[in-house]
PDB file of N, CA and C in Angstrom:
ATOM      1  N   MET A   1     135.864  97.610 135.529  1.00  0.00           N
ATOM      2  CA  MET A   1     134.502  97.717 134.447  1.00  0.00           C
ATOM      3  C   MET A   1     134.646  96.358 133.889  1.00  0.00           C
ATOM      4  N   LEU A   2     135.794  95.485 133.290  1.00  0.00           N
ATOM      5  CA  LEU A   2     135.583  94.326 133.074  1.00  0.00           C
ATOM      6  C   LEU A   2     134.662  93.611 133.954  1.00  0.00           C
ATOM      7  N   ILE A   3     134.711  93.273 135.450  1.00  0.00           N
ATOM      8  CA  ILE A   3     133.926  93.004 136.606  1.00  0.00           C
ATOM      9  C   ILE A   3     132.332  92.892 135.692  1.00  0.00           C
ATOM     10  N   ALA A   4     132.156  94.623 135.859  1.00  0.00           N
ATOM     11  CA  ALA A   4     130.964  94.364 135.842  1.00  0.00           C
ATOM     12  C   ALA A   4     130.209  94.132 134.145  1.00  0.00           C
ATOM     13  N   GLU A   5     130.875  94.415 133.489  1.00  0.00           N
ATOM     14  CA  GLU A   5     130.592  93.593 132.015  1.00  0.00           C
ATOM     15  C   GLU A   5     130.590  91.536 132.311  1.00  0.00           C
ATOM     16  N   ILE A   6     131.549  91.257 132.844  1.00  0.00           N
ATOM     17  CA  ILE A   6     131.322  89.668 133.082  1.00  0.00           C
ATOM     18  C   ILE A   6     130.200  89.469 134.056  1.00  0.00           C
ATOM     19  N   LEU A   7     129.564  90.100 135.320  1.00  0.00           N
ATOM     20  CA  LEU A   7     128.833  90.012 135.756  1.00  0.00           C
ATOM     21  C   LEU A   7     127.296  90.517 135.061  1.00  0.00           C
ATOM     22  N   GLU A   8     127.402  91.306 134.016  1.00  0.00           N
ATOM     23  CA  GLU A   8     126.119  91.454 133.213  1.00  0.00           C
ATOM     24  C   GLU A   8     126.101  90.427 132.083  1.00  0.00           C
ATOM     25  N   ALA A   9     126.872  90.459 131.522  1.00  0.00           N
ATOM     26  CA  ALA A   9     126.779  88.709 130.559  1.00  0.00           C
ATOM     27  C   ALA A   9     126.264  87.084 131.367  1.00  0.00           C
ATOM     28  N   VAL A  10     126.598  87.534 132.119  1.00  0.00           N
ATOM     29  CA  VAL A  10     126.286  85.591 132.833  1.00  0.00           C
ATOM     30  C   VAL A  10     124.658  86.387 133.438  1.00  0.00           C
ATOM     31  N   MET A  11     124.630  87.499 134.269  1.00  0.00           N
ATOM     32  CA  MET A  11     122.914  87.637 133.936  1.00  0.00           C
ATOM     33  C   MET A  11     122.157  87.252 133.121  1.00  0.00           C
ATOM     34  N   LEU A  12     122.610  87.745 131.976  1.00  0.00           N
ATOM     35  CA  LEU A  12     122.299  87.614 130.385  1.00  0.00           C
ATOM     36  C   LEU A  12     121.877  85.874 129.587  1.00  0.00           C
ATOM     37  N   VAL A  13     123.427  85.115 130.013  1.00  0.00           N
ATOM     38  CA  VAL A  13     123.369  84.469 129.907  1.00  0.00           C
ATOM     39  C   VAL A  13     122.145  83.301 130.852  1.00  0.00           C
ATOM     40  N   CYS A  14     122.232  83.428 132.029  1.00  0.00           N
ATOM     41  CA  CYS A  14     121.475  83.318 133.181  1.00  0.00           C
ATOM     42  C   CYS A  14     119.925  83.262 132.185  1.00  0.00           C
ATOM     43  N   PHE A  15     119.365  84.194 131.887  1.00  0.00           N
ATOM     44  CA  PHE A  15     118.337  84.390 131.330  1.00  0.00           C
ATOM     45  C   PHE A  15     117.893  83.774 130.135  1.00  0.00           C
ATOM     46  N   GLY A  16     118.835  83.758 128.818  1.00  0.00           N
ATOM     47  CA  GLY A  16     119.051  83.562 128.128  1.00  0.00           C
ATOM     48  C   GLY A  16     118.912  82.113 127.726  1.00  0.00           C
ATOM     49  N   LEU A  17     119.274  81.115 128.467  1.00  0.00           N
ATOM     50  CA  LEU A  17     119.067  79.750 129.099  1.00  0.00           C
ATOM     51  C   LEU A  17     118.087  79.393 128.931  1.00  0.00           C
ATOM     52  N   SER A  18     117.458  80.050 129.944  1.00  0.00           N
ATOM     53  CA  SER A  18     115.705  80.334 129.840  1.00  0.00           C
ATOM     54  C   SER A  18     114.792  79.881 128.682  1.00  0.00           C
ATOM     55  N   TRP A  19     115.193  80.405 127.618  1.00  0.00           N
ATOM     56  CA  TRP A  19     114.235  81.055 126.618  1.00  0.00           C
ATOM     57  C   TRP A  19     114.130  79.525 125.863  1.00  0.00           C
ATOM     58  N   PRO A  20     115.403  78.822 125.428  1.00  0.00           N
ATOM     59  CA  PRO A  20     115.066  77.695 124.407  1.00  0.00           C
ATOM     60  C   PRO A  20     114.138  76.342 125.283  1.00  0.00           C
ATOM     61  N   MET A  21     115.087  76.666 126.595  1.00  0.00           N
ATOM     62  CA  MET A  21     113.726  75.554 127.341  1.00  0.00           C
ATOM     63  C   MET A  21     112.656  76.006 127.168  1.00  0.00           C
ATOM     64  N   ASN A  22     112.024  77.161 127.442  1.00  0.00           N
ATOM     65  CA  ASN A  22     110.640  77.605 127.614  1.00  0.00           C
ATOM     66  C   ASN A  22     109.945  77.470 125.852  1.00  0.00           C
ATOM     67  N   ALA A  23     110.885  77.378 124.892  1.00  0.00           N
ATOM     68  CA  ALA A  23     109.893  77.372 123.420  1.00  0.00           C
ATOM     69  C   ALA A  23     110.079  76.003 123.397  1.00  0.00           C
ATOM     70  N   TYR A  24     110.823  75.055 124.057  1.00  0.00           N
ATOM     71  CA  TYR A  24     110.988  73.945 123.652  1.00  0.00           C
ATOM     72  C   TYR A  24     109.301  73.040 124.443  1.00  0.00           C
ATOM     73  N   LYS A  25     109.439  73.988 125.833  1.00  0.00           N
ATOM     74  CA  LYS A  25     108.470  73.299 126.837  1.00  0.00           C
ATOM     75  C   LYS A  25     106.948  73.699 125.780  1.00  0.00           C
ATOM     76  N   ALA A  26     106.728  74.809 125.143  1.00  0.00           N
ATOM     77  CA  ALA A  26     106.032  75.214 124.506  1.00  0.00           C
ATOM     78  C   ALA A  26     105.505  74.372 123.404  1.00  0.00           C
ATOM     79  N   TYR A  27     106.897  74.167 122.718  1.00  0.00           N
ATOM     80  CA  TYR A  27     106.239  73.323 121.172  1.00  0.00           C
ATOM     81  C   TYR A  27     105.876  72.404 121.414  1.00  0.00           C
ATOM     82  N   LYS A  28     106.251  71.132 122.286  1.00  0.00           N
ATOM     83  CA  LYS A  28     105.877  70.614 122.588  1.00  0.00           C
ATOM     84  C   LYS A  28     104.828  70.015 123.036  1.00  0.00           C
ATOM     85  N   ALA A  29     103.820  71.633 123.901  1.00  0.00           N
ATOM     86  CA  ALA A  29     102.516  71.328 124.741  1.00  0.00           C
ATOM     87  C   ALA A  29     101.510  72.039 123.152  1.00  0.00           C
ATOM     88  N   ARG A  30     102.172  72.386 122.429  1.00  0.00           N
ATOM     89  CA  ARG A  30     101.413  72.441 121.427  1.00  0.00           C
ATOM     90  C   ARG A  30      99.742  73.437 121.867  1.00  0.00           C
ATOM     91  N   THR A  31     100.427  74.376 122.436  1.00  0.00           N
ATOM     92  CA  THR A  31      98.914  75.309 122.891  1.00  0.00           C
ATOM     93  C   THR A  31      99.601  76.619 123.771  1.00  0.00           C
ATOM     94  N   ALA A  32      98.994  77.845 123.248  1.00  0.00           N
ATOM     95  CA  ALA A  32      99.180  78.759 123.759  1.00  0.00           C
ATOM     96  C   ALA A  32      98.506  78.824 125.399  1.00  0.00           C
ATOM     97  N   LYS A  33      98.069  78.233 125.627  1.00  0.00           N
ATOM     98  CA  LYS A  33      97.269  78.198 126.875  1.00  0.00           C
ATOM     99  C   LYS A  33      98.304  78.359 128.003  1.00  0.00           C
ATOM    100  N   GLY A  34      98.262  79.444 128.667  1.00  0.00           N
ATOM    101  CA  GLY A  34      99.532  79.213 129.947  1.00  0.00           C
ATOM    102  C   GLY A  34     100.725  80.415 129.607  1.00  0.00           C
ATOM    103  N   THR A  35     100.729  80.535 128.303  1.00  0.00           N
ATOM    104  CA  THR A  35     101.363  81.032 127.862  1.00  0.00           C
ATOM    105  C   THR A  35     101.529  82.965 127.521  1.00  0.00           C
ATOM    106  N   SER A  36     101.915  84.357 128.382  1.00  0.00           N
ATOM    107  CA  SER A  36     101.661  85.412 128.162  1.00  0.00           C
ATOM    108  C   SER A  36     102.384  86.322 127.167  1.00  0.00           C
ATOM    109  N   TRP A  37     101.567  86.874 126.534  1.00  0.00           N
ATOM    110  CA  TRP A  37     102.040  87.677 125.195  1.00  0.00           C
ATOM    111  C   TRP A  37     102.784  89.142 126.113  1.00  0.00           C
ATOM    112  N   GLN A  38     102.092  89.088 126.832  1.00  0.00           N
ATOM    113  CA  GLN A  38     102.240  90.524 127.535  1.00  0.00           C
ATOM    114  C   GLN A  38     103.810  90.168 128.220  1.00  0.00           C
ATOM    115  N   PHE A  39     103.677  88.937 128.789  1.00  0.00           N
ATOM    116  CA  PHE A  39     105.010  88.908 129.564  1.00  0.00           C
ATOM    117  C   PHE A  39     106.223  88.677 128.439  1.00  0.00           C
ATOM    118  N   LEU A  40     106.034  88.364 127.373  1.00  0.00           N
ATOM    119  CA  LEU A  40     106.944  88.286 126.311  1.00  0.00           C
ATOM    120  C   LEU A  40     107.083  89.613 125.617  1.00  0.00           C
ATOM    121  N   THR A  41     106.196  90.838 125.467  1.00  0.00           N
ATOM    122  CA  THR A  41     106.134  91.519 125.525  1.00  0.00           C
ATOM    123  C   THR A  41     107.139  92.534 126.155  1.00  0.00           C
ATOM    124  N   LEU A  42     106.781  92.185 127.507  1.00  0.00           N
ATOM    125  CA  LEU A  42     107.415  92.988 128.739  1.00  0.00           C
ATOM    126  C   LEU A  42     109.221  92.852 128.560  1.00  0.00           C
ATOM    127  N   ILE A  43     109.300  91.472 128.241  1.00  0.00           N
ATOM    128  CA  ILE A  43     110.623  91.228 128.207  1.00  0.00           C
ATOM    129  C   ILE A  43     111.764  91.528 127.379  1.00  0.00           C
ATOM    130  N   CYS A  44     110.997  91.725 125.781  1.00  0.00           N
ATOM    131  CA  CYS A  44     111.800  91.667 125.140  1.00  0.00           C
ATOM    132  C   CYS A  44     111.644  93.571 124.908  1.00  0.00           C
ATOM    133  N   ALA A  45     110.977  94.181 125.557  1.00  0.00           N
ATOM    134  CA  ALA A  45     110.960  96.064 126.080  1.00  0.00           C
ATOM    135  C   ALA A  45     112.198  95.954 126.760  1.00  0.00           C
ATOM    136  N   GLY A  46     111.995  95.302 127.911  1.00  0.00           N
ATOM    137  CA  GLY A  46     113.641  95.262 128.070  1.00  0.00           C
ATOM    138  C   GLY A  46     115.051  95.546 127.868  1.00  0.00           C
ATOM    139  N   TYR A  47     115.016  93.802 126.873  1.00  0.00           N
ATOM    140  CA  TYR A  47     116.421  93.524 126.495  1.00  0.00           C
ATOM    141  C   TYR A  47     116.598  94.905 125.314  1.00  0.00           C
ATOM    142  N   ILE A  48     115.842  95.742 124.681  1.00  0.00           N
ATOM    143  CA  ILE A  48     115.727  96.959 123.853  1.00  0.00           C
ATOM    144  C   ILE A  48     116.653  98.033 124.921  1.00  0.00           C
ATOM    145  N   CYS A  49     115.717  98.039 125.975  1.00  0.00           N
ATOM    146  CA  CYS A  49     116.186  99.526 126.914  1.00  0.00           C
ATOM    147  C   CYS A  49     117.454  99.080 127.184  1.00  0.00           C
ATOM    148  N   GLY A  50     117.625  97.558 127.576  1.00  0.00           N
ATOM    149  CA  GLY A  50     118.945  97.374 128.117  1.00  0.00           C
ATOM    150  C   GLY A  50     120.245  98.042 126.589  1.00  0.00           C
ATOM    151  N   ILE A  51     120.131  97.428 125.424  1.00  0.00           N
ATOM    152  CA  ILE A  51     120.643  97.839 124.205  1.00  0.00           C
ATOM    153  C   ILE A  51     120.462  99.326 124.207  1.00  0.00           C
ATOM    154  N   GLY A  52     119.694  99.785 123.944  1.00  0.00           N
ATOM    155  CA  GLY A  52     119.338 101.438 123.817  1.00  0.00           C
ATOM    156  C   GLY A  52     120.104 101.635 125.298  1.00  0.00           C
ATOM    157  N   ALA A  53     120.316 101.339 126.529  1.00  0.00           N
ATOM    158  CA  ALA A  53     121.083 102.194 127.344  1.00  0.00           C
ATOM    159  C   ALA A  53     122.543 101.806 126.954  1.00  0.00           C
ATOM    160  N   LYS A  54     122.952 100.637 126.288  1.00  0.00           N
ATOM    161  CA  LYS A  54     124.397 100.496 126.103  1.00  0.00           C
ATOM    162  C   LYS A  54     124.710 101.536 124.995  1.00  0.00           C
ATOM    163  N   LEU A  55     124.186 101.895 123.890  1.00  0.00           N
ATOM    164  CA  LEU A  55     124.350 102.473 123.186  1.00  0.00           C
ATOM    165  C   LEU A  55     124.329 103.940 123.439  1.00  0.00           C
ATOM    166  N   ALA A  56     123.267 104.367 124.373  1.00  0.00           N
ATOM    167  CA  ALA A  56     123.061 105.793 124.532  1.00  0.00           C
ATOM    168  C   ALA A  56     124.437 106.260 125.384  1.00  0.00           C
ATOM    169  N   CYS A  57     124.895 105.354 125.900  1.00  0.00           N
ATOM    170  CA  CYS A  57     126.396 105.616 127.133  1.00  0.00           C
ATOM    171  C   CYS A  57     127.876 105.287 125.917  1.00  0.00           C
ATOM    172  N   GLY A  58     127.566 104.817 125.446  1.00  0.00           N
ATOM    173  CA  GLY A  58     128.303 104.411 123.918  1.00  0.00           C
ATOM    174  C   GLY A  58     129.657 103.509 124.227  1.00  0.00           C
ATOM    175  N   ILE A  59     128.260 102.848 125.309  1.00  0.00           N
ATOM    176  CA  ILE A  59     129.274 100.887 125.275  1.00  0.00           C
ATOM    177  C   ILE A  59     129.154  99.957 124.619  1.00  0.00           C
ATOM    178  N   VAL A  60     129.391 100.493 123.467  1.00  0.00           N
ATOM    179  CA  VAL A  60     129.400  98.938 122.355  1.00  0.00           C
ATOM    180  C   VAL A  60     130.829  98.037 122.972  1.00  0.00           C
ATOM    181  N   ASN A  61     130.500  97.049 123.246  1.00  0.00           N
ATOM    182  CA  ASN A  61     131.143  96.043 123.626  1.00  0.00           C
ATOM    183  C   ASN A  61     130.724  94.825 123.396  1.00  0.00           C
ATOM    184  N   TRP A  62     131.201  93.620 123.905  1.00  0.00           N
ATOM    185  CA  TRP A  62     130.941  92.216 123.986  1.00  0.00           C
ATOM    186  C   TRP A  62     129.645  91.894 124.185  1.00  0.00           C
ATOM    187  N   VAL A  63     129.509  92.273 125.604  1.00  0.00           N
ATOM    188  CA  VAL A  63     127.822  91.958 126.442  1.00  0.00           C
ATOM    189  C   VAL A  63     126.902  92.457 125.281  1.00  0.00           C
ATOM    190  N   LEU A  64     126.648  93.716 124.345  1.00  0.00           N
ATOM    191  CA  LEU A  64     125.588  93.853 123.464  1.00  0.00           C
ATOM    192  C   LEU A  64     125.346  92.840 122.975  1.00  0.00           C
ATOM    193  N   VAL A  65     126.151  91.765 122.430  1.00  0.00           N
ATOM    194  CA  VAL A  65     126.077  90.801 121.514  1.00  0.00           C
ATOM    195  C   VAL A  65     124.859  89.691 122.048  1.00  0.00           C
ATOM    196  N   VAL A  66     125.298  89.525 123.496  1.00  0.00           N
ATOM    197  CA  VAL A  66     124.533  88.738 124.331  1.00  0.00           C
ATOM    198  C   VAL A  66     122.425  89.323 124.630  1.00  0.00           C
ATOM    199  N   TYR A  67     122.880  90.585 124.876  1.00  0.00           N
ATOM    200  CA  TYR A  67     121.763  91.454 124.345  1.00  0.00           C
ATOM    201  C   TYR A  67     120.969  90.685 123.070  1.00  0.00           C
ATOM    202  N   PHE A  68     121.675  90.654 122.129  1.00  0.00           N
ATOM    203  CA  PHE A  68     121.003  90.357 120.757  1.00  0.00           C
ATOM    204  C   PHE A  68     120.693  88.745 120.795  1.00  0.00           C
ATOM    205  N   VAL A  69     121.323  88.405 121.030  1.00  0.00           N
ATOM    206  CA  VAL A  69     121.222  86.924 121.167  1.00  0.00           C
ATOM    207  C   VAL A  69     120.201  86.657 121.943  1.00  0.00           C
ATOM    208  N   ASN A  70     119.584  86.622 123.093  1.00  0.00           N
ATOM    209  CA  ASN A  70     118.608  86.833 123.491  1.00  0.00           C
ATOM    210  C   ASN A  70     117.413  87.542 123.471  1.00  0.00           C
ATOM    211  N   LEU A  71     117.451  88.402 122.737  1.00  0.00           N
ATOM    212  CA  LEU A  71     116.329  88.956 121.773  1.00  0.00           C
ATOM    213  C   LEU A  71     116.173  88.311 120.536  1.00  0.00           C
ATOM    214  N   VAL A  72     117.297  87.461 119.894  1.00  0.00           N
ATOM    215  CA  VAL A  72     116.992  86.360 118.644  1.00  0.00           C
ATOM    216  C   VAL A  72     116.005  84.921 119.877  1.00  0.00           C
ATOM    217  N   LEU A  73     116.443  84.384 120.717  1.00  0.00           N
ATOM    218  CA  LEU A  73     115.898  82.982 121.561  1.00  0.00           C
ATOM    219  C   LEU A  73     114.296  83.610 121.952  1.00  0.00           C
ATOM    220  N   LEU A  74     114.534  85.036 122.223  1.00  0.00           N
ATOM    221  CA  LEU A  74     112.937  85.401 122.245  1.00  0.00           C
ATOM    222  C   LEU A  74     111.980  85.602 121.386  1.00  0.00           C
ATOM    223  N   GLY A  75     112.609  85.857 120.136  1.00  0.00           N
ATOM    224  CA  GLY A  75     112.022  85.666 118.990  1.00  0.00           C
ATOM    225  C   GLY A  75     111.534  84.031 118.497  1.00  0.00           C
ATOM    226  N   VAL A  76     112.154  83.388 119.176  1.00  0.00           N
ATOM    227  CA  VAL A  76     111.898  81.567 118.415  1.00  0.00           C
ATOM    228  C   VAL A  76     110.574  81.112 119.605  1.00  0.00           C
ATOM    229  N   ASN A  77     110.364  82.029 120.972  1.00  0.00           N
ATOM    230  CA  ASN A  77     109.408  81.857 121.837  1.00  0.00           C
ATOM    231  C   ASN A  77     108.147  82.677 121.183  1.00  0.00           C
ATOM    232  N   TRP A  78     108.451  83.860 120.793  1.00  0.00           N
ATOM    233  CA  TRP A  78     107.078  84.964 119.941  1.00  0.00           C
ATOM    234  C   TRP A  78     106.729  83.397 118.507  1.00  0.00           C
ATOM    235  N   ALA A  79     107.763  82.867 117.500  1.00  0.00           N
ATOM    236  CA  ALA A  79     107.151  81.977 116.554  1.00  0.00           C
ATOM    237  C   ALA A  79     106.284  80.844 117.299  1.00  0.00           C
ATOM    238  N   VAL A  80     106.735  80.075 117.980  1.00  0.00           N
ATOM    239  CA  VAL A  80     105.869  79.011 118.936  1.00  0.00           C
ATOM    240  C   VAL A  80     105.033  79.319 119.475  1.00  0.00           C
ATOM    241  N   PHE A  81     104.763  80.695 119.959  1.00  0.00           N
ATOM    242  CA  PHE A  81     103.675  81.695 120.773  1.00  0.00           C
ATOM    243  C   PHE A  81     102.671  81.034 119.587  1.00  0.00           C
ATOM    244  N   PHE A  82     103.026  82.230 118.308  1.00  0.00           N
ATOM    245  CA  PHE A  82     101.914  82.217 117.418  1.00  0.00           C
ATOM    246  C   PHE A  82     101.521  81.001 116.512  1.00  0.00           C
ATOM    247  N   ARG A  83     102.234  80.156 116.761  1.00  0.00           N
ATOM    248  CA  ARG A  83     102.493  78.410 115.767  1.00  0.00           C
ATOM    249  C   ARG A  83     101.676  78.362 117.116  1.00  0.00           C
ATOM    250  N   ASN A  84     101.539  78.470 118.198  1.00  0.00           N
ATOM    251  CA  ASN A  84     100.636  77.744 118.985  1.00  0.00           C
ATOM    252  C   ASN A  84      99.045  78.243 119.130  1.00  0.00           C
ATOM    253  N   ARG A  85      98.932  79.252 119.274  1.00  0.00           N
ATOM    254  CA  ARG A  85      97.891  80.410 119.043  1.00  0.00           C
ATOM    255  C   ARG A  85      97.020  79.531 117.617  1.00  0.00           C
ATOM    256  N   ARG A  86      97.173  79.641 117.022  1.00  0.00           N
ATOM    257  CA  ARG A  86      97.318  78.537 115.801  1.00  0.00           C
ATOM    258  C   ARG A  86      96.595  77.509 116.034  1.00  0.00           C
ATOM    259  N   LEU A  87      97.265  76.953 116.166  1.00  0.00           N
ATOM    260  CA  LEU A  87      96.739  75.412 116.674  1.00  0.00           C
ATOM    261  C   LEU A  87      95.537  75.564 117.508  1.00  0.00           C
ATOM    262  N   ASP A  88      95.693  76.030 118.702  1.00  0.00           N
ATOM    263  CA  ASP A  88      94.665  76.258 119.217  1.00  0.00           C
ATOM    264  C   ASP A  88      93.292  77.017 118.513  1.00  0.00           C
ATOM    265  N   GLN A  89      93.428  77.657 117.681  1.00  0.00           N
ATOM    266  CA  GLN A  89      92.261  78.018 117.276  1.00  0.00           C
ATOM    267  C   GLN A  89      91.595  76.984 116.091  1.00  0.00           C
ATOM    268  N   ALA A  90      92.711  76.553 116.023  1.00  0.00           N
ATOM    269  CA  ALA A  90      91.965  74.888 114.668  1.00  0.00           C
ATOM    270  C   ALA A  90      91.860  74.058 115.510  1.00  0.00           C
ATOM    271  N   ASN A  91      91.936  73.792 116.655  1.00  0.00           N
ATOM    272  CA  ASN A  91      91.446  72.579 118.026  1.00  0.00           C
ATOM    273  C   ASN A  91      90.028  73.588 118.178  1.00  0.00           C
ATOM    274  N   GLU A  92      90.193  74.884 118.424  1.00  0.00           N
ATOM    275  CA  GLU A  92      88.378  74.994 118.917  1.00  0.00           C
ATOM    276  C   GLU A  92      87.651  75.186 117.532  1.00  0.00           C
ATOM    277  N   GLY A  93      88.183  75.381 116.254  1.00  0.00           N
ATOM    278  CA  GLY A  93      87.219  75.428 115.357  1.00  0.00           C
ATOM    279  C   GLY A  93      86.773  73.576 115.016  1.00  0.00           C
ATOM    280  N   MET A  94      87.415  72.621 115.163  1.00  0.00           N
ATOM    281  CA  MET A  94      87.191  71.268 115.194  1.00  0.00           C
ATOM    282  C   MET A  94      86.388  70.874 116.765  1.00  0.00           C
ATOM    283  N   ARG A  95      86.162  71.147 117.539  1.00  0.00           N
ATOM    284  CA  ARG A  95      85.475  71.132 118.636  1.00  0.00           C
ATOM    285  C   ARG A  95      83.953  71.554 118.270  1.00  0.00           C
ATOM    286  N   VAL A  96      84.053  73.127 117.825  1.00  0.00           N
ATOM    287  CA  VAL A  96      83.046  73.242 117.107  1.00  0.00           C
ATOM    288  C   VAL A  96      82.076  72.613 116.306  1.00  0.00           C
ATOM    289  N   GLU A  97      83.152  71.756 115.346  1.00  0.00           N
ATOM    290  CA  GLU A  97      82.301  71.461 114.239  1.00  0.00           C
ATOM    291  C   GLU A  97      81.794  70.010 114.860  1.00  0.00           C
ATOM    292  N   VAL A  98      82.416  69.406 115.889  1.00  0.00           N
ATOM    293  CA  VAL A  98      81.697  68.040 116.695  1.00  0.00           C
ATOM    294  C   VAL A  98      81.106  68.474 117.539  1.00  0.00           C
ATOM    295  N   CYS A  99      80.701  69.430 117.912  1.00  0.00           N
ATOM    296  CA  CYS A  99      79.355  69.896 119.266  1.00  0.00           C
ATOM    297  C   CYS A  99      78.533  70.020 118.152  1.00  0.00           C
ATOM    298  N   ILE A 100      78.264  70.367 116.927  1.00  0.00           N
ATOM    299  CA  ILE A 100      77.856  70.935 116.409  1.00  0.00           C
ATOM    300  C   ILE A 100      77.066  69.618 115.459  1.00  0.00           C
ATOM    301  N   GLU A 101      78.038  68.604 114.990  1.00  0.00           N
ATOM    302  CA  GLU A 101      77.697  67.122 114.385  1.00  0.00           C
ATOM    303  C   GLU A 101      76.811  66.345 115.603  1.00  0.00           C
ATOM    304  N   ALA A 102      77.040  66.481 116.848  1.00  0.00           N
ATOM    305  CA  ALA A 102      76.814  65.592 117.588  1.00  0.00           C
ATOM    306  C   ALA A 102      75.481  66.059 118.254  1.00  0.00           C
ATOM    307  N   ALA A 103      74.767  67.326 118.070  1.00  0.00           N
ATOM    308  CA  ALA A 103      73.573  67.868 118.480  1.00  0.00           C
ATOM    309  C   ALA A 103      73.110  67.653 116.784  1.00  0.00           C
ATOM    310  N   ALA A 104      73.509  67.690 116.103  1.00  0.00           N
ATOM    311  CA  ALA A 104      72.595  67.316 114.853  1.00  0.00           C
ATOM    312  C   ALA A 104      71.759  65.744 115.147  1.00  0.00           C
ATOM    313  N   ARG A 105      73.002  64.748 115.766  1.00  0.00           N
ATOM    314  CA  ARG A 105      72.135  63.545 115.934  1.00  0.00           C
ATOM    315  C   ARG A 105      71.160  63.260 116.402  1.00  0.00           C
TER     316      ARG A 105
END
């Protein structure tokens, strides 16, 4: 059983390492374009189901912590997504104002 726990944890760590990199890239891009909220939702659902499966089977071990760490890292991605969406909306509003000013000239 220990090898199964280690393999599951390694899988989760591999996925988990991608979230900070993704959040950093999205933060630097300053746009939500190209970010799929549906994808983030599915990943959250997957982690929640993984946690639920552990709890339903009564397997409360150290691997469960890795699931929660991944959810926290995914939460950072959600925060960056909403920040970038606000930036996109602000930029769109500025573009509309520039177009109106240019049309008025």
